[in-house]
Amino acid sequence: MHERDKFELLLNRVGHTRRMTLKGVAGKWSIKDVLAHILAYEQFIADRMVEILNYETYVPCKTQTALDAFLDAFGYPDFGSPLLDEESPKEWIIERYKSISMDDVVAQELQAFASIISSLEKMPDAVIQQHNLYDRVAEHTYHHYHEHITGIKRWLRVNGVQRK
């Protein structure tokens, strides 16, 4: 939660929605693109956690056909599949969220994060440990925040956005 708070405070410095769609935060990505990227990973782990709570078993995709079916079913790539390289989902995610409003991306990302917290609160510690969820949640949440914080701070400096 501490890392989440730091990330949200940084995003609050951006201010206007218009600024969140300006390119250049991470290469050609905007803050909206960064949030879409984070949203996809958070939704992936949130859904896996709901499966754990419902005693369902997640099996990573092992064929391209299965990867395509997963994408159609869930609306994001199977980040657990050994077939998926680290770079290929990024452009797909950006394209997927291009026509979705900034407010909707923010709302979906907040909902995905809330689902993660809710699932963690419902799970006994033994289940969390059994599924290595503290590390898996970190990998799909605040590790991505850290990945983008430096770029966002640099972008804020370059664009003259002052600390609030």
N, C-alpha and C. Protein backbone atom coordinates (compact mmCIF):
# COMPACT_ATOMS: atom_id res chain seq x y z
N MET A 1 0.83 -1.19 0.00
CA MET A 1 0.00 0.00 0.00
C MET A 1 0.87 1.26 0.00
N HIS A 2 2.01 1.18 0.69
CA HIS A 2 2.93 2.33 0.73
C HIS A 2 3.40 2.67 -0.70
N GLU A 3 3.78 1.66 -1.45
CA GLU A 3 4.24 1.89 -2.82
C GLU A 3 3.10 2.42 -3.69
N ARG A 4 1.91 1.92 -3.46
CA ARG A 4 0.74 2.39 -4.20
C ARG A 4 0.48 3.88 -3.90
N ASP A 5 0.56 4.23 -2.61
CA ASP A 5 0.35 5.62 -2.22
C ASP A 5 1.37 6.54 -2.90
N LYS A 6 2.63 6.13 -2.94
CA LYS A 6 3.66 6.95 -3.59
C LYS A 6 3.35 7.12 -5.09
N PHE A 7 2.93 6.04 -5.71
CA PHE A 7 2.62 6.10 -7.13
C PHE A 7 1.43 7.02 -7.39
N GLU A 8 0.37 6.90 -6.60
CA GLU A 8 -0.80 7.75 -6.78
C GLU A 8 -0.48 9.22 -6.52
N LEU A 9 0.34 9.50 -5.52
CA LEU A 9 0.74 10.89 -5.26
C LEU A 9 1.50 11.47 -6.45
N LEU A 10 2.35 10.67 -7.05
CA LEU A 10 3.08 11.12 -8.23
C LEU A 10 2.11 11.41 -9.38
N LEU A 11 1.15 10.52 -9.60
CA LEU A 11 0.17 10.74 -10.67
C LEU A 11 -0.69 11.97 -10.41
N ASN A 12 -0.98 12.22 -9.15
CA ASN A 12 -1.77 13.41 -8.80
C ASN A 12 -1.05 14.70 -9.18
N ARG A 13 0.27 14.66 -9.23
CA ARG A 13 1.04 15.85 -9.63
C ARG A 13 0.79 16.21 -11.09
N VAL A 14 0.43 15.21 -11.89
CA VAL A 14 0.21 15.46 -13.31
C VAL A 14 -0.95 16.42 -13.51
N GLY A 15 -1.99 16.23 -12.72
CA GLY A 15 -3.12 17.15 -12.78
C GLY A 15 -4.10 16.84 -13.88
N HIS A 16 -4.22 17.71 -14.83
CA HIS A 16 -5.26 17.67 -15.85
C HIS A 16 -5.23 16.38 -16.67
N THR A 17 -6.42 15.89 -17.01
CA THR A 17 -6.56 14.70 -17.84
C THR A 17 -5.83 14.88 -19.16
N ARG A 18 -5.90 16.07 -19.71
CA ARG A 18 -5.24 16.36 -20.98
C ARG A 18 -3.75 16.01 -20.92
N ARG A 19 -3.12 16.36 -19.81
CA ARG A 19 -1.68 16.08 -19.66
C ARG A 19 -1.40 14.59 -19.64
N MET A 20 -2.35 13.80 -19.15
CA MET A 20 -2.14 12.36 -19.01
C MET A 20 -2.12 11.65 -20.36
N THR A 21 -2.52 12.34 -21.41
CA THR A 21 -2.51 11.72 -22.73
C THR A 21 -1.37 12.22 -23.61
N LEU A 22 -0.52 13.10 -23.07
CA LEU A 22 0.63 13.59 -23.82
C LEU A 22 1.72 12.52 -23.86
N LYS A 23 2.29 12.31 -25.00
CA LYS A 23 3.31 11.28 -25.20
C LYS A 23 4.65 11.71 -24.57
N GLY A 24 5.54 10.75 -24.40
CA GLY A 24 6.88 11.06 -23.97
C GLY A 24 7.22 10.67 -22.54
N VAL A 25 6.30 10.04 -21.83
CA VAL A 25 6.57 9.63 -20.45
C VAL A 25 7.54 8.46 -20.42
N ALA A 26 7.24 7.47 -21.24
CA ALA A 26 8.09 6.28 -21.36
C ALA A 26 8.23 6.02 -22.85
N GLY A 27 9.25 6.60 -23.46
CA GLY A 27 9.38 6.53 -24.91
C GLY A 27 8.23 7.29 -25.53
N LYS A 28 7.44 6.61 -26.35
CA LYS A 28 6.30 7.29 -26.96
C LYS A 28 5.02 7.14 -26.14
N TRP A 29 5.09 6.52 -24.98
CA TRP A 29 3.92 6.31 -24.13
C TRP A 29 3.55 7.57 -23.36
N SER A 30 2.25 7.70 -23.14
CA SER A 30 1.70 8.74 -22.26
C SER A 30 1.45 8.12 -20.88
N ILE A 31 1.04 8.93 -19.93
CA ILE A 31 0.68 8.39 -18.61
C ILE A 31 -0.53 7.47 -18.76
N LYS A 32 -1.46 7.81 -19.65
CA LYS A 32 -2.59 6.91 -19.91
C LYS A 32 -2.09 5.55 -20.38
N ASP A 33 -1.10 5.53 -21.27
CA ASP A 33 -0.54 4.27 -21.75
C ASP A 33 0.12 3.49 -20.62
N VAL A 34 0.84 4.19 -19.76
CA VAL A 34 1.47 3.54 -18.60
C VAL A 34 0.39 2.92 -17.71
N LEU A 35 -0.69 3.66 -17.46
CA LEU A 35 -1.77 3.12 -16.62
C LEU A 35 -2.45 1.92 -17.28
N ALA A 36 -2.62 1.95 -18.59
CA ALA A 36 -3.20 0.81 -19.30
C ALA A 36 -2.29 -0.42 -19.14
N HIS A 37 -1.00 -0.20 -19.25
CA HIS A 37 -0.01 -1.27 -19.07
C HIS A 37 -0.14 -1.87 -17.66
N ILE A 38 -0.18 -1.01 -16.66
CA ILE A 38 -0.31 -1.46 -15.27
C ILE A 38 -1.66 -2.15 -15.07
N LEU A 39 -2.71 -1.58 -15.63
CA LEU A 39 -4.05 -2.16 -15.51
C LEU A 39 -4.07 -3.60 -16.01
N ALA A 40 -3.49 -3.87 -17.16
CA ALA A 40 -3.52 -5.22 -17.71
C ALA A 40 -2.85 -6.22 -16.77
N TYR A 41 -1.70 -5.85 -16.22
CA TYR A 41 -1.00 -6.74 -15.29
C TYR A 41 -1.77 -6.90 -13.98
N GLU A 42 -2.34 -5.81 -13.47
CA GLU A 42 -3.11 -5.91 -12.24
C GLU A 42 -4.37 -6.75 -12.44
N GLN A 43 -5.03 -6.59 -13.59
CA GLN A 43 -6.23 -7.39 -13.84
C GLN A 43 -5.88 -8.87 -13.96
N PHE A 44 -4.73 -9.15 -14.57
CA PHE A 44 -4.27 -10.54 -14.69
C PHE A 44 -4.14 -11.18 -13.30
N ILE A 45 -3.42 -10.53 -12.39
CA ILE A 45 -3.21 -11.13 -11.07
C ILE A 45 -4.51 -11.11 -10.26
N ALA A 46 -5.33 -10.08 -10.42
CA ALA A 46 -6.61 -10.03 -9.71
C ALA A 46 -7.48 -11.23 -10.11
N ASP A 47 -7.53 -11.52 -11.40
CA ASP A 47 -8.33 -12.66 -11.87
C ASP A 47 -7.76 -13.99 -11.39
N ARG A 48 -6.44 -14.11 -11.35
CA ARG A 48 -5.85 -15.36 -10.84
C ARG A 48 -6.19 -15.54 -9.35
N MET A 49 -6.21 -14.44 -8.62
CA MET A 49 -6.52 -14.51 -7.18
C MET A 49 -7.98 -14.90 -6.96
N VAL A 50 -8.88 -14.40 -7.79
CA VAL A 50 -10.29 -14.81 -7.70
C VAL A 50 -10.41 -16.30 -8.00
N GLU A 51 -9.65 -16.77 -8.98
CA GLU A 51 -9.65 -18.21 -9.28
C GLU A 51 -9.20 -19.01 -8.06
N ILE A 52 -8.16 -18.56 -7.39
CA ILE A 52 -7.68 -19.24 -6.19
C ILE A 52 -8.78 -19.26 -5.13
N LEU A 53 -9.43 -18.13 -4.93
CA LEU A 53 -10.51 -18.06 -3.93
C LEU A 53 -11.66 -19.01 -4.28
N ASN A 54 -11.87 -19.24 -5.57
CA ASN A 54 -12.96 -20.11 -6.02
C ASN A 54 -12.49 -21.54 -6.30
N TYR A 55 -11.27 -21.86 -5.87
CA TYR A 55 -10.71 -23.20 -6.03
C TYR A 55 -10.61 -23.62 -7.50
N GLU A 56 -10.39 -22.64 -8.37
CA GLU A 56 -10.19 -22.92 -9.79
C GLU A 56 -8.69 -22.96 -10.05
N THR A 57 -8.31 -23.70 -11.07
CA THR A 57 -6.89 -23.84 -11.40
C THR A 57 -6.58 -23.08 -12.68
N TYR A 58 -5.58 -22.22 -12.60
CA TYR A 58 -5.08 -21.50 -13.78
C TYR A 58 -3.96 -22.33 -14.39
N VAL A 59 -4.04 -22.52 -15.70
CA VAL A 59 -3.00 -23.22 -16.43
C VAL A 59 -2.50 -22.29 -17.52
N PRO A 60 -1.23 -21.91 -17.48
CA PRO A 60 -0.70 -21.02 -18.52
C PRO A 60 -0.87 -21.62 -19.91
N CYS A 61 -1.12 -20.77 -20.88
CA CYS A 61 -1.31 -21.20 -22.26
C CYS A 61 -0.01 -21.79 -22.82
N LYS A 62 -0.17 -22.90 -23.54
CA LYS A 62 1.00 -23.57 -24.10
C LYS A 62 0.98 -23.61 -25.63
N THR A 63 -0.07 -23.07 -26.24
CA THR A 63 -0.14 -22.99 -27.70
C THR A 63 -0.60 -21.60 -28.10
N GLN A 64 -0.33 -21.24 -29.33
CA GLN A 64 -0.77 -19.94 -29.83
C GLN A 64 -2.30 -19.86 -29.86
N THR A 65 -2.94 -20.97 -30.20
CA THR A 65 -4.41 -21.01 -30.21
C THR A 65 -4.94 -20.73 -28.82
N ALA A 66 -4.32 -21.32 -27.80
CA ALA A 66 -4.75 -21.10 -26.42
C ALA A 66 -4.50 -19.64 -26.01
N LEU A 67 -3.37 -19.06 -26.45
CA LEU A 67 -3.09 -17.66 -26.15
C LEU A 67 -4.16 -16.75 -26.76
N ASP A 68 -4.53 -17.03 -27.99
CA ASP A 68 -5.56 -16.23 -28.66
C ASP A 68 -6.90 -16.36 -27.95
N ALA A 69 -7.23 -17.58 -27.53
CA ALA A 69 -8.50 -17.81 -26.82
C ALA A 69 -8.49 -17.11 -25.46
N PHE A 70 -7.36 -17.13 -24.77
CA PHE A 70 -7.23 -16.45 -23.48
C PHE A 70 -7.46 -14.95 -23.65
N LEU A 71 -6.83 -14.38 -24.66
CA LEU A 71 -6.97 -12.95 -24.95
C LEU A 71 -8.43 -12.60 -25.22
N ASP A 72 -9.10 -13.42 -26.01
CA ASP A 72 -10.52 -13.19 -26.29
C ASP A 72 -11.37 -13.31 -25.03
N ALA A 73 -11.06 -14.27 -24.19
CA ALA A 73 -11.87 -14.53 -22.99
C ALA A 73 -11.67 -13.46 -21.92
N PHE A 74 -10.41 -13.05 -21.70
CA PHE A 74 -10.11 -12.16 -20.60
C PHE A 74 -9.88 -10.70 -20.99
N GLY A 75 -9.50 -10.46 -22.24
CA GLY A 75 -9.26 -9.09 -22.69
C GLY A 75 -7.87 -8.57 -22.39
N TYR A 76 -6.97 -9.44 -22.01
CA TYR A 76 -5.56 -9.11 -21.80
C TYR A 76 -4.75 -10.37 -22.07
N PRO A 77 -3.45 -10.22 -22.34
CA PRO A 77 -2.60 -11.39 -22.63
C PRO A 77 -2.41 -12.30 -21.41
N ASP A 78 -2.09 -13.55 -21.67
CA ASP A 78 -1.76 -14.50 -20.60
C ASP A 78 -0.30 -14.27 -20.21
N PHE A 79 -0.11 -13.39 -19.24
CA PHE A 79 1.25 -13.03 -18.83
C PHE A 79 2.01 -14.18 -18.20
N GLY A 80 1.32 -15.25 -17.85
CA GLY A 80 1.98 -16.41 -17.26
C GLY A 80 2.42 -17.44 -18.27
N SER A 81 2.08 -17.23 -19.53
CA SER A 81 2.42 -18.20 -20.56
C SER A 81 3.90 -18.12 -20.93
N PRO A 82 4.54 -19.28 -21.04
CA PRO A 82 5.95 -19.27 -21.47
C PRO A 82 6.10 -18.85 -22.94
N LEU A 83 5.02 -18.85 -23.69
CA LEU A 83 5.07 -18.44 -25.10
C LEU A 83 5.11 -16.94 -25.29
N LEU A 84 4.71 -16.21 -24.27
CA LEU A 84 4.60 -14.76 -24.38
C LEU A 84 5.91 -14.12 -23.96
N ASP A 85 6.52 -13.37 -24.89
CA ASP A 85 7.73 -12.66 -24.50
C ASP A 85 7.33 -11.37 -23.79
N GLU A 86 8.28 -10.70 -23.21
CA GLU A 86 7.98 -9.53 -22.39
C GLU A 86 7.53 -8.33 -23.21
N GLU A 87 7.97 -8.22 -24.44
CA GLU A 87 7.69 -7.03 -25.23
C GLU A 87 6.40 -7.09 -26.03
N SER A 88 6.01 -8.26 -26.52
CA SER A 88 4.88 -8.33 -27.45
C SER A 88 3.56 -7.83 -26.88
N PRO A 89 3.25 -8.02 -25.59
CA PRO A 89 1.95 -7.53 -25.12
C PRO A 89 1.87 -6.01 -25.00
N LYS A 90 3.00 -5.33 -24.90
CA LYS A 90 2.98 -3.90 -24.63
C LYS A 90 2.23 -3.12 -25.70
N GLU A 91 2.57 -3.33 -26.95
CA GLU A 91 1.90 -2.59 -28.02
C GLU A 91 0.44 -2.99 -28.14
N TRP A 92 0.15 -4.28 -27.91
CA TRP A 92 -1.24 -4.72 -27.93
C TRP A 92 -2.05 -3.97 -26.88
N ILE A 93 -1.52 -3.85 -25.68
CA ILE A 93 -2.21 -3.16 -24.59
C ILE A 93 -2.48 -1.70 -24.97
N ILE A 94 -1.48 -1.03 -25.49
CA ILE A 94 -1.62 0.38 -25.86
C ILE A 94 -2.70 0.53 -26.94
N GLU A 95 -2.67 -0.33 -27.92
CA GLU A 95 -3.67 -0.29 -28.99
C GLU A 95 -5.06 -0.57 -28.43
N ARG A 96 -5.18 -1.52 -27.54
CA ARG A 96 -6.47 -1.91 -26.94
C ARG A 96 -7.11 -0.74 -26.19
N TYR A 97 -6.32 0.04 -25.49
CA TYR A 97 -6.86 1.11 -24.66
C TYR A 97 -6.83 2.49 -25.33
N LYS A 98 -6.37 2.55 -26.58
CA LYS A 98 -6.27 3.83 -27.28
C LYS A 98 -7.61 4.57 -27.35
N SER A 99 -8.67 3.84 -27.63
CA SER A 99 -9.98 4.48 -27.81
C SER A 99 -10.82 4.53 -26.52
N ILE A 100 -10.25 4.07 -25.43
CA ILE A 100 -10.95 4.11 -24.15
C ILE A 100 -10.54 5.39 -23.43
N SER A 101 -11.50 6.07 -22.84
CA SER A 101 -11.22 7.36 -22.21
C SER A 101 -10.27 7.20 -21.02
N MET A 102 -9.58 8.29 -20.72
CA MET A 102 -8.68 8.31 -19.58
C MET A 102 -9.43 7.97 -18.30
N ASP A 103 -10.62 8.54 -18.12
CA ASP A 103 -11.41 8.27 -16.92
C ASP A 103 -11.74 6.78 -16.80
N ASP A 104 -12.07 6.14 -17.92
CA ASP A 104 -12.38 4.71 -17.88
C ASP A 104 -11.15 3.86 -17.58
N VAL A 105 -10.00 4.24 -18.12
CA VAL A 105 -8.76 3.52 -17.81
C VAL A 105 -8.46 3.64 -16.32
N VAL A 106 -8.58 4.84 -15.77
CA VAL A 106 -8.35 5.05 -14.34
C VAL A 106 -9.33 4.23 -13.51
N ALA A 107 -10.61 4.26 -13.88
CA ALA A 107 -11.63 3.52 -13.13
C ALA A 107 -11.36 2.02 -13.16
N GLN A 108 -10.99 1.49 -14.33
CA GLN A 108 -10.70 0.06 -14.45
C GLN A 108 -9.46 -0.32 -13.65
N GLU A 109 -8.44 0.55 -13.70
CA GLU A 109 -7.21 0.26 -12.95
C GLU A 109 -7.49 0.27 -11.46
N LEU A 110 -8.26 1.25 -10.98
CA LEU A 110 -8.60 1.30 -9.55
C LEU A 110 -9.40 0.07 -9.14
N GLN A 111 -10.30 -0.37 -10.00
CA GLN A 111 -11.10 -1.56 -9.70
C GLN A 111 -10.22 -2.80 -9.64
N ALA A 112 -9.29 -2.93 -10.56
CA ALA A 112 -8.38 -4.09 -10.56
C ALA A 112 -7.54 -4.11 -9.28
N PHE A 113 -7.02 -2.95 -8.90
CA PHE A 113 -6.22 -2.87 -7.67
C PHE A 113 -7.08 -3.20 -6.45
N ALA A 114 -8.30 -2.68 -6.42
CA ALA A 114 -9.21 -2.97 -5.29
C ALA A 114 -9.52 -4.45 -5.21
N SER A 115 -9.64 -5.11 -6.35
CA SER A 115 -9.89 -6.54 -6.38
C SER A 115 -8.72 -7.32 -5.78
N ILE A 116 -7.52 -6.87 -6.08
CA ILE A 116 -6.32 -7.52 -5.51
C ILE A 116 -6.35 -7.40 -3.99
N ILE A 117 -6.59 -6.21 -3.50
CA ILE A 117 -6.62 -5.98 -2.05
C ILE A 117 -7.73 -6.80 -1.41
N SER A 118 -8.91 -6.79 -2.02
CA SER A 118 -10.04 -7.55 -1.49
C SER A 118 -9.73 -9.04 -1.42
N SER A 119 -9.13 -9.58 -2.46
CA SER A 119 -8.77 -11.00 -2.47
C SER A 119 -7.75 -11.33 -1.39
N LEU A 120 -6.74 -10.47 -1.25
CA LEU A 120 -5.74 -10.69 -0.21
C LEU A 120 -6.38 -10.69 1.17
N GLU A 121 -7.33 -9.80 1.40
CA GLU A 121 -7.99 -9.72 2.70
C GLU A 121 -8.84 -10.95 2.99
N LYS A 122 -9.33 -11.60 1.96
CA LYS A 122 -10.18 -12.78 2.12
C LYS A 122 -9.38 -14.07 2.30
N MET A 123 -8.13 -14.06 1.89
CA MET A 123 -7.32 -15.29 1.89
C MET A 123 -6.61 -15.52 3.20
N PRO A 124 -6.65 -16.75 3.66
CA PRO A 124 -5.82 -17.10 4.83
C PRO A 124 -4.34 -17.01 4.46
N ASP A 125 -3.50 -16.72 5.43
CA ASP A 125 -2.06 -16.61 5.18
C ASP A 125 -1.49 -17.86 4.53
N ALA A 126 -1.98 -19.03 4.93
CA ALA A 126 -1.47 -20.28 4.36
C ALA A 126 -1.70 -20.34 2.85
N VAL A 127 -2.85 -19.86 2.39
CA VAL A 127 -3.15 -19.86 0.94
C VAL A 127 -2.26 -18.84 0.24
N ILE A 128 -2.07 -17.69 0.86
CA ILE A 128 -1.19 -16.67 0.28
C ILE A 128 0.21 -17.22 0.12
N GLN A 129 0.70 -17.89 1.15
CA GLN A 129 2.05 -18.48 1.09
C GLN A 129 2.11 -19.60 0.06
N GLN A 130 1.11 -20.46 0.05
CA GLN A 130 1.08 -21.60 -0.86
C GLN A 130 1.19 -21.15 -2.32
N HIS A 131 0.56 -20.05 -2.65
CA HIS A 131 0.55 -19.56 -4.02
C HIS A 131 1.56 -18.44 -4.26
N ASN A 132 2.41 -18.19 -3.27
CA ASN A 132 3.46 -17.17 -3.40
C ASN A 132 2.88 -15.82 -3.84
N LEU A 133 1.74 -15.46 -3.25
CA LEU A 133 1.01 -14.29 -3.73
C LEU A 133 1.66 -12.96 -3.40
N TYR A 134 2.38 -12.87 -2.31
CA TYR A 134 3.02 -11.59 -2.02
C TYR A 134 4.01 -11.23 -3.13
N ASP A 135 4.80 -12.20 -3.57
CA ASP A 135 5.75 -11.95 -4.65
C ASP A 135 5.03 -11.75 -5.98
N ARG A 136 4.01 -12.54 -6.24
CA ARG A 136 3.28 -12.43 -7.51
C ARG A 136 2.54 -11.09 -7.59
N VAL A 137 1.94 -10.67 -6.49
CA VAL A 137 1.25 -9.37 -6.49
C VAL A 137 2.26 -8.25 -6.70
N ALA A 138 3.39 -8.32 -6.03
CA ALA A 138 4.44 -7.30 -6.22
C ALA A 138 4.87 -7.23 -7.68
N GLU A 139 5.04 -8.38 -8.30
CA GLU A 139 5.47 -8.44 -9.70
C GLU A 139 4.46 -7.76 -10.63
N HIS A 140 3.19 -7.85 -10.29
CA HIS A 140 2.14 -7.32 -11.16
C HIS A 140 1.62 -5.95 -10.73
N THR A 141 2.15 -5.41 -9.64
CA THR A 141 1.70 -4.09 -9.18
C THR A 141 2.91 -3.18 -9.02
N TYR A 142 3.46 -3.12 -7.82
CA TYR A 142 4.43 -2.06 -7.56
C TYR A 142 5.76 -2.23 -8.26
N HIS A 143 6.08 -3.40 -8.76
CA HIS A 143 7.28 -3.49 -9.60
C HIS A 143 7.05 -2.68 -10.89
N HIS A 144 5.82 -2.69 -11.38
CA HIS A 144 5.51 -1.86 -12.56
C HIS A 144 5.48 -0.38 -12.20
N TYR A 145 5.03 -0.05 -11.00
CA TYR A 145 5.08 1.36 -10.58
C TYR A 145 6.53 1.84 -10.61
N HIS A 146 7.42 1.03 -10.01
CA HIS A 146 8.84 1.40 -9.97
C HIS A 146 9.42 1.53 -11.37
N GLU A 147 8.98 0.66 -12.27
CA GLU A 147 9.46 0.68 -13.65
C GLU A 147 9.18 2.03 -14.32
N HIS A 148 8.09 2.69 -13.91
CA HIS A 148 7.66 3.91 -14.59
C HIS A 148 7.87 5.20 -13.80
N ILE A 149 8.15 5.13 -12.52
CA ILE A 149 8.26 6.32 -11.68
C ILE A 149 9.33 7.29 -12.19
N THR A 150 10.50 6.79 -12.50
CA THR A 150 11.59 7.66 -12.95
C THR A 150 11.19 8.40 -14.23
N GLY A 151 10.59 7.69 -15.18
CA GLY A 151 10.16 8.33 -16.42
C GLY A 151 9.09 9.38 -16.19
N ILE A 152 8.17 9.11 -15.29
CA ILE A 152 7.11 10.08 -14.99
C ILE A 152 7.72 11.32 -14.34
N LYS A 153 8.62 11.12 -13.38
CA LYS A 153 9.27 12.27 -12.72
C LYS A 153 10.05 13.11 -13.73
N ARG A 154 10.78 12.45 -14.61
CA ARG A 154 11.54 13.17 -15.65
C ARG A 154 10.58 13.94 -16.54
N TRP A 155 9.50 13.30 -16.97
CA TRP A 155 8.52 13.93 -17.83
C TRP A 155 7.89 15.15 -17.15
N LEU A 156 7.60 15.03 -15.87
CA LEU A 156 7.04 16.16 -15.11
C LEU A 156 8.03 17.33 -15.09
N ARG A 157 9.31 17.03 -14.85
CA ARG A 157 10.34 18.07 -14.83
C ARG A 157 10.46 18.76 -16.17
N VAL A 158 10.54 17.96 -17.23
CA VAL A 158 10.70 18.48 -18.58
C VAL A 158 9.51 19.35 -18.96
N ASN A 159 8.33 18.98 -18.51
CA ASN A 159 7.12 19.72 -18.85
C ASN A 159 6.75 20.79 -17.84
N GLY A 160 7.65 21.07 -16.90
CA GLY A 160 7.47 22.17 -15.98
C GLY A 160 6.34 22.00 -14.98
N VAL A 161 6.00 20.77 -14.65
CA VAL A 161 4.95 20.54 -13.67
C VAL A 161 5.58 20.57 -12.28
N GLN A 162 5.12 21.48 -11.47
CA GLN A 162 5.70 21.69 -10.14
C GLN A 162 5.10 20.72 -9.12
N ARG A 163 5.87 20.50 -8.07
CA ARG A 163 5.35 19.69 -6.95
C ARG A 163 4.17 20.41 -6.31
N LYS A 164 3.19 19.60 -5.90
CA LYS A 164 2.02 20.18 -5.21
C LYS A 164 2.21 20.11 -3.73
